[in-house]
Amino acid sequence: MRQVRRRRALLILGAAAAGGSLAVAWRLGKPVVHTPLTPPAPRLASIETLQRTEPPAPLPPAALVDAAGVVHGLAEFAGTGLVINLWATWCVPCVAELPGLAVLARRLKDSSIRVLPLSSDRDGAPVVASYYHQHGIEGLPIWLDPKGEAVRIWGVQGIPTTLIVDREGRERGRLVGAVDWASDAAAAEIRGLVG
């Protein structure tokens, strides 16, 4: 009897820590099965968290690798505004903002502003392509920073971090953390900064 009470108490404590789902299963007389907990999706910040770069500064050159493994430089994007999002498939806040980045990319397509999600995944394009496919991410290109060169050169302290670059290659703003890119305010702010 003492072991049953102890087990029930442990189950109730565990259920409370897990958000109550095990307690419901216990009350309904169902067997309790251990399942891994899925962390809640991170809260997305608004575009208001953007830190403007004053004065706008040229972004130091860094190697950007496309899905085919071809290395590109920022100079190739001259005359185009950029939203460079540094992320990885293993980063929970990073992947939480990806659907919004896809929406932003579609909204900015006619503005000559490109969204470049620059992945830090070391296993390269196949990992990113698989992630996009499994999670229904469409409209985002695959760009890579497999050795972390861009992260180091641009002084990024953690991911996700997004850099807003104007048509002259100057950093106009920086956002640290996951942002709601699908909002009307985000698209308007990006257009205003890039010019």
N, C-alpha and C. Protein backbone atom coordinates (compact mmCIF):
# COMPACT_ATOMS: atom_id res chain seq x y z
N MET A 1 0.82 -1.20 0.00
CA MET A 1 0.00 0.00 0.00
C MET A 1 0.86 1.26 0.00
N ARG A 2 1.94 1.22 0.80
CA ARG A 2 2.82 2.37 0.89
C ARG A 2 3.49 2.63 -0.47
N GLN A 3 3.89 1.56 -1.20
CA GLN A 3 4.52 1.71 -2.50
C GLN A 3 3.54 2.30 -3.52
N VAL A 4 2.27 1.90 -3.45
CA VAL A 4 1.26 2.42 -4.37
C VAL A 4 1.08 3.92 -4.15
N ARG A 5 1.00 4.33 -2.87
CA ARG A 5 0.84 5.76 -2.58
C ARG A 5 2.07 6.55 -3.06
N ARG A 6 3.24 5.97 -2.81
CA ARG A 6 4.46 6.66 -3.23
C ARG A 6 4.50 6.79 -4.75
N ARG A 7 4.15 5.72 -5.46
CA ARG A 7 4.14 5.75 -6.92
C ARG A 7 3.13 6.78 -7.42
N ARG A 8 1.93 6.79 -6.79
CA ARG A 8 0.91 7.75 -7.20
C ARG A 8 1.39 9.18 -6.96
N ALA A 9 2.05 9.42 -5.84
CA ALA A 9 2.57 10.76 -5.54
C ALA A 9 3.63 11.17 -6.56
N LEU A 10 4.51 10.24 -6.92
CA LEU A 10 5.54 10.55 -7.91
C LEU A 10 4.91 10.83 -9.27
N LEU A 11 3.88 10.07 -9.63
CA LEU A 11 3.21 10.31 -10.90
C LEU A 11 2.53 11.67 -10.92
N ILE A 12 1.91 12.04 -9.84
CA ILE A 12 1.23 13.34 -9.77
C ILE A 12 2.25 14.46 -9.83
N LEU A 13 3.38 14.32 -9.12
CA LEU A 13 4.43 15.34 -9.17
C LEU A 13 5.00 15.45 -10.58
N GLY A 14 5.24 14.31 -11.20
CA GLY A 14 5.75 14.31 -12.57
C GLY A 14 4.75 14.93 -13.53
N ALA A 15 3.48 14.63 -13.31
CA ALA A 15 2.44 15.20 -14.18
C ALA A 15 2.36 16.71 -14.02
N ALA A 16 2.50 17.16 -12.79
CA ALA A 16 2.45 18.61 -12.57
C ALA A 16 3.61 19.28 -13.30
N ALA A 17 4.78 18.66 -13.26
CA ALA A 17 5.93 19.23 -13.96
C ALA A 17 5.75 19.18 -15.47
N ALA A 18 4.99 18.19 -15.94
CA ALA A 18 4.77 18.04 -17.38
C ALA A 18 3.53 18.77 -17.86
N GLY A 19 2.95 19.56 -17.03
CA GLY A 19 1.79 20.33 -17.46
C GLY A 19 0.47 19.63 -17.19
N GLY A 20 0.47 18.58 -16.39
CA GLY A 20 -0.78 17.94 -15.99
C GLY A 20 -1.26 16.81 -16.88
N SER A 21 -0.59 16.50 -17.97
CA SER A 21 -1.10 15.49 -18.89
C SER A 21 -1.10 14.10 -18.28
N LEU A 22 -0.12 13.77 -17.43
CA LEU A 22 -0.10 12.45 -16.81
C LEU A 22 -1.18 12.32 -15.74
N ALA A 23 -1.48 13.41 -15.03
CA ALA A 23 -2.51 13.36 -14.01
C ALA A 23 -3.85 13.03 -14.63
N VAL A 24 -4.15 13.58 -15.79
CA VAL A 24 -5.40 13.27 -16.48
C VAL A 24 -5.44 11.80 -16.84
N ALA A 25 -4.33 11.28 -17.36
CA ALA A 25 -4.28 9.87 -17.74
C ALA A 25 -4.46 8.99 -16.50
N TRP A 26 -3.94 9.38 -15.36
CA TRP A 26 -4.07 8.61 -14.14
C TRP A 26 -5.52 8.59 -13.68
N ARG A 27 -6.16 9.75 -13.71
CA ARG A 27 -7.55 9.84 -13.26
C ARG A 27 -8.48 9.04 -14.15
N LEU A 28 -8.16 8.94 -15.41
CA LEU A 28 -9.01 8.19 -16.32
C LEU A 28 -8.73 6.69 -16.27
N GLY A 29 -7.76 6.30 -15.44
CA GLY A 29 -7.46 4.89 -15.30
C GLY A 29 -6.65 4.32 -16.45
N LYS A 30 -6.11 5.18 -17.26
CA LYS A 30 -5.30 4.71 -18.38
C LYS A 30 -3.87 4.47 -17.90
N PRO A 31 -3.19 3.52 -18.53
CA PRO A 31 -1.79 3.32 -18.15
C PRO A 31 -0.97 4.55 -18.52
N VAL A 32 -0.01 4.85 -17.69
CA VAL A 32 0.85 5.99 -17.92
C VAL A 32 2.03 5.54 -18.77
N VAL A 33 2.24 6.19 -19.89
CA VAL A 33 3.34 5.87 -20.79
C VAL A 33 4.27 7.07 -20.83
N HIS A 34 5.54 6.81 -20.63
CA HIS A 34 6.51 7.91 -20.68
C HIS A 34 6.71 8.33 -22.13
N THR A 35 6.49 9.61 -22.39
CA THR A 35 6.76 10.17 -23.71
C THR A 35 7.63 11.40 -23.53
N PRO A 36 8.53 11.65 -24.46
CA PRO A 36 9.37 12.84 -24.31
C PRO A 36 8.53 14.10 -24.38
N LEU A 37 8.89 15.05 -23.58
CA LEU A 37 8.17 16.32 -23.56
C LEU A 37 8.62 17.18 -24.73
N THR A 38 7.69 17.82 -25.37
CA THR A 38 8.00 18.75 -26.44
C THR A 38 8.02 20.14 -25.83
N PRO A 39 9.15 20.84 -25.97
CA PRO A 39 9.19 22.17 -25.37
C PRO A 39 8.20 23.09 -26.08
N PRO A 40 7.62 24.02 -25.35
CA PRO A 40 6.70 24.95 -26.00
C PRO A 40 7.45 25.80 -27.03
N ALA A 41 6.74 26.19 -28.07
CA ALA A 41 7.35 27.04 -29.09
C ALA A 41 7.74 28.37 -28.46
N PRO A 42 8.91 28.88 -28.80
CA PRO A 42 9.33 30.16 -28.24
C PRO A 42 8.42 31.29 -28.71
N ARG A 43 8.28 32.27 -27.87
CA ARG A 43 7.49 33.44 -28.22
C ARG A 43 8.28 34.28 -29.21
N LEU A 44 7.63 34.70 -30.28
CA LEU A 44 8.29 35.51 -31.29
C LEU A 44 8.19 36.99 -30.91
N ALA A 45 9.32 37.66 -30.96
CA ALA A 45 9.35 39.09 -30.65
C ALA A 45 8.85 39.89 -31.84
N SER A 46 8.53 41.14 -31.61
CA SER A 46 8.10 42.01 -32.71
C SER A 46 9.32 42.68 -33.33
N ILE A 47 9.11 43.26 -34.48
CA ILE A 47 10.18 43.96 -35.19
C ILE A 47 10.70 45.15 -34.37
N GLU A 48 9.96 45.55 -33.36
CA GLU A 48 10.38 46.68 -32.52
C GLU A 48 11.66 46.39 -31.75
N THR A 49 12.07 45.11 -31.68
CA THR A 49 13.31 44.76 -30.99
C THR A 49 14.54 45.04 -31.84
N LEU A 50 14.33 45.50 -33.06
CA LEU A 50 15.43 45.80 -33.97
C LEU A 50 16.33 46.89 -33.40
N GLN A 51 17.63 46.65 -33.43
CA GLN A 51 18.61 47.65 -33.01
C GLN A 51 19.19 48.26 -34.28
N ARG A 52 18.94 49.53 -34.50
CA ARG A 52 19.46 50.20 -35.69
C ARG A 52 20.97 50.37 -35.56
N THR A 53 21.65 50.22 -36.68
CA THR A 53 23.09 50.42 -36.72
C THR A 53 23.34 51.86 -37.11
N GLU A 54 23.84 52.65 -36.17
CA GLU A 54 24.08 54.08 -36.40
C GLU A 54 25.53 54.41 -36.14
N PRO A 55 26.22 54.95 -37.08
CA PRO A 55 25.80 55.13 -38.47
C PRO A 55 25.84 53.79 -39.19
N PRO A 56 25.10 53.68 -40.30
CA PRO A 56 25.15 52.44 -41.07
C PRO A 56 26.60 52.12 -41.45
N ALA A 57 26.98 50.86 -41.26
CA ALA A 57 28.37 50.47 -41.49
C ALA A 57 28.46 49.37 -42.54
N PRO A 58 29.48 49.46 -43.41
CA PRO A 58 29.66 48.38 -44.39
C PRO A 58 29.83 47.04 -43.69
N LEU A 59 29.15 46.04 -44.17
CA LEU A 59 29.26 44.70 -43.61
C LEU A 59 30.55 44.08 -44.12
N PRO A 60 31.42 43.60 -43.23
CA PRO A 60 32.67 42.98 -43.69
C PRO A 60 32.38 41.79 -44.60
N PRO A 61 33.24 41.56 -45.60
CA PRO A 61 33.01 40.45 -46.52
C PRO A 61 33.10 39.10 -45.81
N ALA A 62 32.26 38.19 -46.23
CA ALA A 62 32.26 36.83 -45.69
C ALA A 62 31.82 35.89 -46.81
N ALA A 63 32.25 34.65 -46.72
CA ALA A 63 31.89 33.65 -47.72
C ALA A 63 30.51 33.09 -47.41
N LEU A 64 29.63 33.15 -48.39
CA LEU A 64 28.29 32.57 -48.27
C LEU A 64 28.24 31.40 -49.25
N VAL A 65 27.84 30.23 -48.77
CA VAL A 65 27.83 29.04 -49.61
C VAL A 65 26.39 28.71 -49.98
N ASP A 66 26.13 28.54 -51.28
CA ASP A 66 24.77 28.22 -51.72
C ASP A 66 24.53 26.70 -51.64
N ALA A 67 23.34 26.26 -52.01
CA ALA A 67 22.95 24.86 -51.91
C ALA A 67 23.83 23.94 -52.74
N ALA A 68 24.40 24.46 -53.82
CA ALA A 68 25.25 23.65 -54.69
C ALA A 68 26.70 23.63 -54.21
N GLY A 69 27.00 24.34 -53.13
CA GLY A 69 28.36 24.37 -52.60
C GLY A 69 29.23 25.46 -53.20
N VAL A 70 28.63 26.35 -53.98
CA VAL A 70 29.36 27.44 -54.61
C VAL A 70 29.49 28.59 -53.60
N VAL A 71 30.69 29.12 -53.49
CA VAL A 71 30.96 30.22 -52.55
C VAL A 71 30.67 31.56 -53.23
N HIS A 72 29.95 32.42 -52.52
CA HIS A 72 29.59 33.75 -53.01
C HIS A 72 30.05 34.79 -52.00
N GLY A 73 30.24 36.01 -52.49
CA GLY A 73 30.58 37.12 -51.61
C GLY A 73 29.43 38.12 -51.58
N LEU A 74 29.42 38.97 -50.60
CA LEU A 74 28.37 39.98 -50.47
C LEU A 74 28.35 40.93 -51.66
N ALA A 75 29.50 41.13 -52.30
CA ALA A 75 29.58 42.05 -53.45
C ALA A 75 28.64 41.61 -54.58
N GLU A 76 28.34 40.31 -54.65
CA GLU A 76 27.45 39.81 -55.69
C GLU A 76 26.01 40.29 -55.50
N PHE A 77 25.70 40.80 -54.32
CA PHE A 77 24.35 41.26 -54.02
C PHE A 77 24.23 42.78 -54.08
N ALA A 78 25.23 43.44 -54.66
CA ALA A 78 25.21 44.91 -54.75
C ALA A 78 23.92 45.37 -55.43
N GLY A 79 23.31 46.39 -54.85
CA GLY A 79 22.07 46.92 -55.39
C GLY A 79 20.83 46.19 -54.89
N THR A 80 21.03 45.16 -54.10
CA THR A 80 19.92 44.37 -53.55
C THR A 80 19.93 44.50 -52.03
N GLY A 81 18.78 44.70 -51.43
CA GLY A 81 18.69 44.69 -49.98
C GLY A 81 18.70 43.26 -49.49
N LEU A 82 19.24 43.06 -48.30
CA LEU A 82 19.33 41.70 -47.74
C LEU A 82 18.80 41.63 -46.32
N VAL A 83 18.12 40.54 -46.05
CA VAL A 83 17.74 40.16 -44.70
C VAL A 83 18.48 38.85 -44.46
N ILE A 84 19.63 38.94 -43.76
CA ILE A 84 20.46 37.75 -43.54
C ILE A 84 20.15 37.20 -42.16
N ASN A 85 19.56 36.01 -42.15
CA ASN A 85 19.16 35.37 -40.90
C ASN A 85 20.12 34.22 -40.61
N LEU A 86 20.85 34.33 -39.51
CA LEU A 86 21.79 33.28 -39.11
C LEU A 86 21.04 32.31 -38.18
N TRP A 87 21.02 31.04 -38.57
CA TRP A 87 20.18 30.07 -37.88
C TRP A 87 20.79 28.67 -38.00
N ALA A 88 20.11 27.67 -37.44
CA ALA A 88 20.48 26.25 -37.57
C ALA A 88 19.24 25.40 -37.31
N THR A 89 19.21 24.22 -37.90
CA THR A 89 18.05 23.33 -37.74
C THR A 89 17.90 22.83 -36.31
N TRP A 90 18.96 22.81 -35.53
CA TRP A 90 18.91 22.33 -34.15
C TRP A 90 18.54 23.42 -33.15
N CYS A 91 18.37 24.64 -33.61
CA CYS A 91 18.09 25.79 -32.75
C CYS A 91 16.57 26.03 -32.71
N VAL A 92 15.95 25.77 -31.57
CA VAL A 92 14.49 25.88 -31.44
C VAL A 92 13.96 27.27 -31.78
N PRO A 93 14.52 28.36 -31.23
CA PRO A 93 13.99 29.68 -31.62
C PRO A 93 14.20 29.98 -33.11
N CYS A 94 15.30 29.46 -33.67
CA CYS A 94 15.59 29.69 -35.09
C CYS A 94 14.49 29.11 -35.97
N VAL A 95 14.15 27.85 -35.71
CA VAL A 95 13.17 27.19 -36.57
C VAL A 95 11.76 27.72 -36.32
N ALA A 96 11.53 28.30 -35.14
CA ALA A 96 10.21 28.87 -34.85
C ALA A 96 9.92 30.07 -35.76
N GLU A 97 10.96 30.80 -36.16
CA GLU A 97 10.74 31.99 -36.99
C GLU A 97 10.83 31.70 -38.49
N LEU A 98 11.23 30.48 -38.89
CA LEU A 98 11.38 30.18 -40.32
C LEU A 98 10.10 30.36 -41.14
N PRO A 99 8.94 29.88 -40.68
CA PRO A 99 7.74 30.11 -41.50
C PRO A 99 7.48 31.59 -41.75
N GLY A 100 7.71 32.42 -40.75
CA GLY A 100 7.54 33.87 -40.92
C GLY A 100 8.55 34.46 -41.89
N LEU A 101 9.78 33.92 -41.89
CA LEU A 101 10.79 34.38 -42.85
C LEU A 101 10.36 34.05 -44.27
N ALA A 102 9.73 32.88 -44.44
CA ALA A 102 9.24 32.50 -45.78
C ALA A 102 8.16 33.48 -46.25
N VAL A 103 7.28 33.89 -45.33
CA VAL A 103 6.25 34.88 -45.66
C VAL A 103 6.90 36.20 -46.03
N LEU A 104 7.89 36.62 -45.24
CA LEU A 104 8.59 37.88 -45.51
C LEU A 104 9.26 37.84 -46.88
N ALA A 105 9.88 36.72 -47.21
CA ALA A 105 10.55 36.58 -48.51
C ALA A 105 9.57 36.79 -49.66
N ARG A 106 8.39 36.23 -49.52
CA ARG A 106 7.36 36.40 -50.57
C ARG A 106 6.91 37.86 -50.65
N ARG A 107 6.74 38.50 -49.52
CA ARG A 107 6.29 39.90 -49.50
C ARG A 107 7.32 40.86 -50.08
N LEU A 108 8.60 40.55 -49.90
CA LEU A 108 9.65 41.46 -50.34
C LEU A 108 10.17 41.16 -51.74
N LYS A 109 9.68 40.09 -52.32
CA LYS A 109 10.19 39.64 -53.63
C LYS A 109 10.17 40.75 -54.68
N ASP A 110 9.10 41.52 -54.73
CA ASP A 110 8.98 42.59 -55.73
C ASP A 110 9.76 43.85 -55.35
N SER A 111 10.32 43.89 -54.15
CA SER A 111 11.06 45.07 -53.68
C SER A 111 12.55 44.97 -53.93
N SER A 112 12.98 43.91 -54.58
CA SER A 112 14.42 43.68 -54.79
C SER A 112 15.15 43.58 -53.45
N ILE A 113 14.50 42.91 -52.50
CA ILE A 113 15.10 42.61 -51.20
C ILE A 113 15.05 41.10 -51.05
N ARG A 114 16.20 40.50 -50.76
CA ARG A 114 16.27 39.04 -50.64
C ARG A 114 16.44 38.63 -49.19
N VAL A 115 15.78 37.53 -48.84
CA VAL A 115 15.95 36.91 -47.53
C VAL A 115 16.94 35.77 -47.71
N LEU A 116 18.05 35.84 -46.96
CA LEU A 116 19.08 34.80 -47.02
C LEU A 116 19.18 34.12 -45.66
N PRO A 117 18.52 32.97 -45.50
CA PRO A 117 18.68 32.22 -44.25
C PRO A 117 20.02 31.47 -44.30
N LEU A 118 20.97 31.89 -43.51
CA LEU A 118 22.33 31.37 -43.56
C LEU A 118 22.51 30.35 -42.43
N SER A 119 22.47 29.07 -42.79
CA SER A 119 22.48 27.98 -41.80
C SER A 119 23.89 27.67 -41.31
N SER A 120 23.99 27.42 -40.02
CA SER A 120 25.26 27.01 -39.40
C SER A 120 25.40 25.49 -39.34
N ASP A 121 24.44 24.77 -39.92
CA ASP A 121 24.51 23.30 -39.88
C ASP A 121 25.76 22.81 -40.59
N ARG A 122 26.56 22.03 -39.89
CA ARG A 122 27.83 21.56 -40.44
C ARG A 122 27.66 20.47 -41.51
N ASP A 123 26.53 19.79 -41.51
CA ASP A 123 26.30 18.73 -42.49
C ASP A 123 25.77 19.27 -43.81
N GLY A 124 25.64 20.57 -43.93
CA GLY A 124 25.37 21.21 -45.19
C GLY A 124 23.95 21.19 -45.71
N ALA A 125 23.86 21.41 -47.02
CA ALA A 125 22.58 21.59 -47.70
C ALA A 125 21.61 20.42 -47.53
N PRO A 126 22.05 19.15 -47.55
CA PRO A 126 21.08 18.07 -47.40
C PRO A 126 20.28 18.14 -46.09
N VAL A 127 20.93 18.56 -45.01
CA VAL A 127 20.23 18.67 -43.72
C VAL A 127 19.18 19.78 -43.78
N VAL A 128 19.56 20.91 -44.36
CA VAL A 128 18.63 22.04 -44.47
C VAL A 128 17.49 21.69 -45.41
N ALA A 129 17.79 21.09 -46.56
CA ALA A 129 16.75 20.70 -47.52
C ALA A 129 15.77 19.72 -46.89
N SER A 130 16.29 18.77 -46.13
CA SER A 130 15.43 17.81 -45.45
C SER A 130 14.54 18.50 -44.44
N TYR A 131 15.11 19.44 -43.69
CA TYR A 131 14.33 20.17 -42.70
C TYR A 131 13.22 20.97 -43.39
N TYR A 132 13.55 21.69 -44.44
CA TYR A 132 12.54 22.45 -45.18
C TYR A 132 11.42 21.53 -45.65
N HIS A 133 11.79 20.39 -46.20
CA HIS A 133 10.79 19.45 -46.73
C HIS A 133 9.89 18.90 -45.62
N GLN A 134 10.50 18.47 -44.52
CA GLN A 134 9.74 17.88 -43.41
C GLN A 134 8.80 18.87 -42.75
N HIS A 135 9.13 20.14 -42.78
CA HIS A 135 8.33 21.15 -42.09
C HIS A 135 7.58 22.08 -43.02
N GLY A 136 7.55 21.75 -44.31
CA GLY A 136 6.76 22.53 -45.27
C GLY A 136 7.24 23.95 -45.48
N ILE A 137 8.53 24.19 -45.33
CA ILE A 137 9.09 25.53 -45.54
C ILE A 137 9.31 25.70 -47.04
N GLU A 138 8.62 26.66 -47.63
CA GLU A 138 8.74 26.91 -49.06
C GLU A 138 9.10 28.37 -49.31
N GLY A 139 9.84 28.59 -50.38
CA GLY A 139 10.17 29.96 -50.77
C GLY A 139 11.44 30.50 -50.15
N LEU A 140 12.14 29.70 -49.35
CA LEU A 140 13.41 30.14 -48.78
C LEU A 140 14.55 29.40 -49.45
N PRO A 141 15.57 30.11 -49.88
CA PRO A 141 16.72 29.44 -50.48
C PRO A 141 17.59 28.79 -49.39
N ILE A 142 18.48 27.94 -49.81
CA ILE A 142 19.43 27.32 -48.87
C ILE A 142 20.77 28.04 -49.01
N TRP A 143 21.20 28.63 -47.91
CA TRP A 143 22.51 29.27 -47.82
C TRP A 143 23.18 28.75 -46.57
N LEU A 144 24.49 28.61 -46.62
CA LEU A 144 25.22 27.96 -45.53
C LEU A 144 26.41 28.79 -45.03
N ASP A 145 26.67 28.64 -43.76
CA ASP A 145 27.86 29.17 -43.09
C ASP A 145 28.43 28.01 -42.26
N PRO A 146 28.86 26.92 -42.93
CA PRO A 146 29.19 25.69 -42.21
C PRO A 146 30.37 25.79 -41.25
N LYS A 147 31.28 26.70 -41.48
CA LYS A 147 32.43 26.84 -40.60
C LYS A 147 32.28 28.01 -39.63
N GLY A 148 31.14 28.68 -39.67
CA GLY A 148 30.89 29.78 -38.76
C GLY A 148 31.68 31.04 -39.08
N GLU A 149 32.18 31.15 -40.30
CA GLU A 149 32.98 32.31 -40.68
C GLU A 149 32.18 33.61 -40.61
N ALA A 150 30.98 33.61 -41.19
CA ALA A 150 30.15 34.82 -41.18
C ALA A 150 29.78 35.21 -39.76
N VAL A 151 29.45 34.21 -38.95
CA VAL A 151 29.10 34.48 -37.55
C VAL A 151 30.25 35.21 -36.85
N ARG A 152 31.46 34.73 -37.05
CA ARG A 152 32.63 35.36 -36.40
C ARG A 152 32.91 36.76 -36.97
N ILE A 153 32.97 36.85 -38.30
CA ILE A 153 33.32 38.12 -38.94
C ILE A 153 32.32 39.22 -38.61
N TRP A 154 31.04 38.84 -38.53
CA TRP A 154 30.00 39.85 -38.29
C TRP A 154 29.73 40.07 -36.80
N GLY A 155 30.48 39.42 -35.93
CA GLY A 155 30.35 39.64 -34.49
C GLY A 155 29.03 39.16 -33.91
N VAL A 156 28.50 38.08 -34.46
CA VAL A 156 27.23 37.53 -33.97
C VAL A 156 27.50 36.74 -32.69
N GLN A 157 26.75 37.06 -31.64
CA GLN A 157 26.96 36.44 -30.34
C GLN A 157 26.16 35.15 -30.16
N GLY A 158 25.10 34.98 -30.93
CA GLY A 158 24.27 33.78 -30.81
C GLY A 158 23.23 33.77 -31.92
N ILE A 159 22.61 32.63 -32.11
CA ILE A 159 21.57 32.52 -33.13
C ILE A 159 20.24 32.26 -32.47
N PRO A 160 19.14 32.68 -33.07
CA PRO A 160 19.07 33.41 -34.32
C PRO A 160 19.45 34.88 -34.17
N THR A 161 20.14 35.37 -35.18
CA THR A 161 20.45 36.79 -35.31
C THR A 161 20.18 37.15 -36.76
N THR A 162 19.59 38.30 -36.97
CA THR A 162 19.27 38.75 -38.33
C THR A 162 19.89 40.11 -38.58
N LEU A 163 20.56 40.22 -39.72
CA LEU A 163 21.17 41.49 -40.12
C LEU A 163 20.38 42.05 -41.30
N ILE A 164 20.08 43.34 -41.22
CA ILE A 164 19.40 44.04 -42.31
C ILE A 164 20.47 44.85 -43.04
N VAL A 165 20.62 44.57 -44.34
CA VAL A 165 21.68 45.17 -45.14
C VAL A 165 21.04 45.96 -46.28
N ASP A 166 21.47 47.22 -46.43
CA ASP A 166 20.89 48.05 -47.50
C ASP A 166 21.53 47.74 -48.85
N ARG A 167 21.08 48.43 -49.86
CA ARG A 167 21.51 48.15 -51.23
C ARG A 167 22.98 48.51 -51.48
N GLU A 168 23.58 49.25 -50.54
CA GLU A 168 25.00 49.62 -50.65
C GLU A 168 25.90 48.70 -49.82
N GLY A 169 25.31 47.63 -49.25
CA GLY A 169 26.10 46.68 -48.48
C GLY A 169 26.37 47.10 -47.05
N ARG A 170 25.59 48.08 -46.56
CA ARG A 170 25.79 48.57 -45.19
C ARG A 170 24.77 47.93 -44.25
N GLU A 171 25.25 47.54 -43.07
CA GLU A 171 24.34 47.02 -42.05
C GLU A 171 23.51 48.19 -41.53
N ARG A 172 22.18 48.04 -41.60
CA ARG A 172 21.27 49.08 -41.13
C ARG A 172 20.62 48.72 -39.81
N GLY A 173 20.59 47.42 -39.50
CA GLY A 173 19.97 47.00 -38.25
C GLY A 173 20.30 45.56 -37.95
N ARG A 174 20.06 45.19 -36.68
CA ARG A 174 20.36 43.83 -36.22
C ARG A 174 19.30 43.43 -35.21
N LEU A 175 18.83 42.21 -35.36
CA LEU A 175 17.87 41.65 -34.40
C LEU A 175 18.44 40.38 -33.81
N VAL A 176 18.40 40.27 -32.51
CA VAL A 176 18.86 39.07 -31.83
C VAL A 176 17.64 38.38 -31.25
N GLY A 177 17.48 37.10 -31.58
CA GLY A 177 16.33 36.33 -31.10
C GLY A 177 15.31 36.12 -32.20
N ALA A 178 14.31 35.31 -31.88
CA ALA A 178 13.27 34.95 -32.84
C ALA A 178 12.25 36.08 -32.97
N VAL A 179 11.93 36.42 -34.23
CA VAL A 179 11.07 37.56 -34.52
C VAL A 179 9.88 37.11 -35.37
N ASP A 180 8.76 37.81 -35.22
CA ASP A 180 7.58 37.55 -36.05
C ASP A 180 7.77 38.27 -37.38
N TRP A 181 8.37 37.57 -38.34
CA TRP A 181 8.67 38.16 -39.64
C TRP A 181 7.45 38.26 -40.54
N ALA A 182 6.37 37.56 -40.21
CA ALA A 182 5.18 37.55 -41.06
C ALA A 182 4.32 38.79 -40.87
N SER A 183 4.64 39.62 -39.90
CA SER A 183 3.80 40.79 -39.63
C SER A 183 3.96 41.87 -40.70
N ASP A 184 2.90 42.65 -40.87
CA ASP A 184 2.95 43.79 -41.80
C ASP A 184 4.03 44.79 -41.36
N ALA A 185 4.16 44.96 -40.04
CA ALA A 185 5.14 45.91 -39.50
C ALA A 185 6.56 45.50 -39.88
N ALA A 186 6.84 44.19 -39.88
CA ALA A 186 8.20 43.71 -40.22
C ALA A 186 8.52 44.05 -41.67
N ALA A 187 7.61 43.76 -42.59
CA ALA A 187 7.86 44.05 -44.00
C ALA A 187 8.05 45.55 -44.22
N ALA A 188 7.22 46.37 -43.57
CA ALA A 188 7.33 47.83 -43.73
C ALA A 188 8.66 48.34 -43.17
N GLU A 189 9.07 47.83 -42.03
CA GLU A 189 10.33 48.26 -41.42
C GLU A 189 11.52 47.90 -42.30
N ILE A 190 11.51 46.69 -42.84
CA ILE A 190 12.61 46.26 -43.71
C ILE A 190 12.67 47.14 -44.95
N ARG A 191 11.54 47.38 -45.58
CA ARG A 191 11.51 48.25 -46.78
C ARG A 191 12.06 49.64 -46.45
N GLY A 192 11.67 50.17 -45.31
CA GLY A 192 12.13 51.50 -44.92
C GLY A 192 13.63 51.55 -44.66
N LEU A 193 14.18 50.52 -44.04
CA LEU A 193 15.61 50.52 -43.74
C LEU A 193 16.47 50.31 -44.98
N VAL A 194 16.01 49.42 -45.85
CA VAL A 194 16.81 49.08 -47.03
C VAL A 194 16.75 50.21 -48.06
N GLY A 195 15.59 50.88 -48.14
CA GLY A 195 15.45 52.00 -49.05
C GLY A 195 15.02 51.61 -50.45
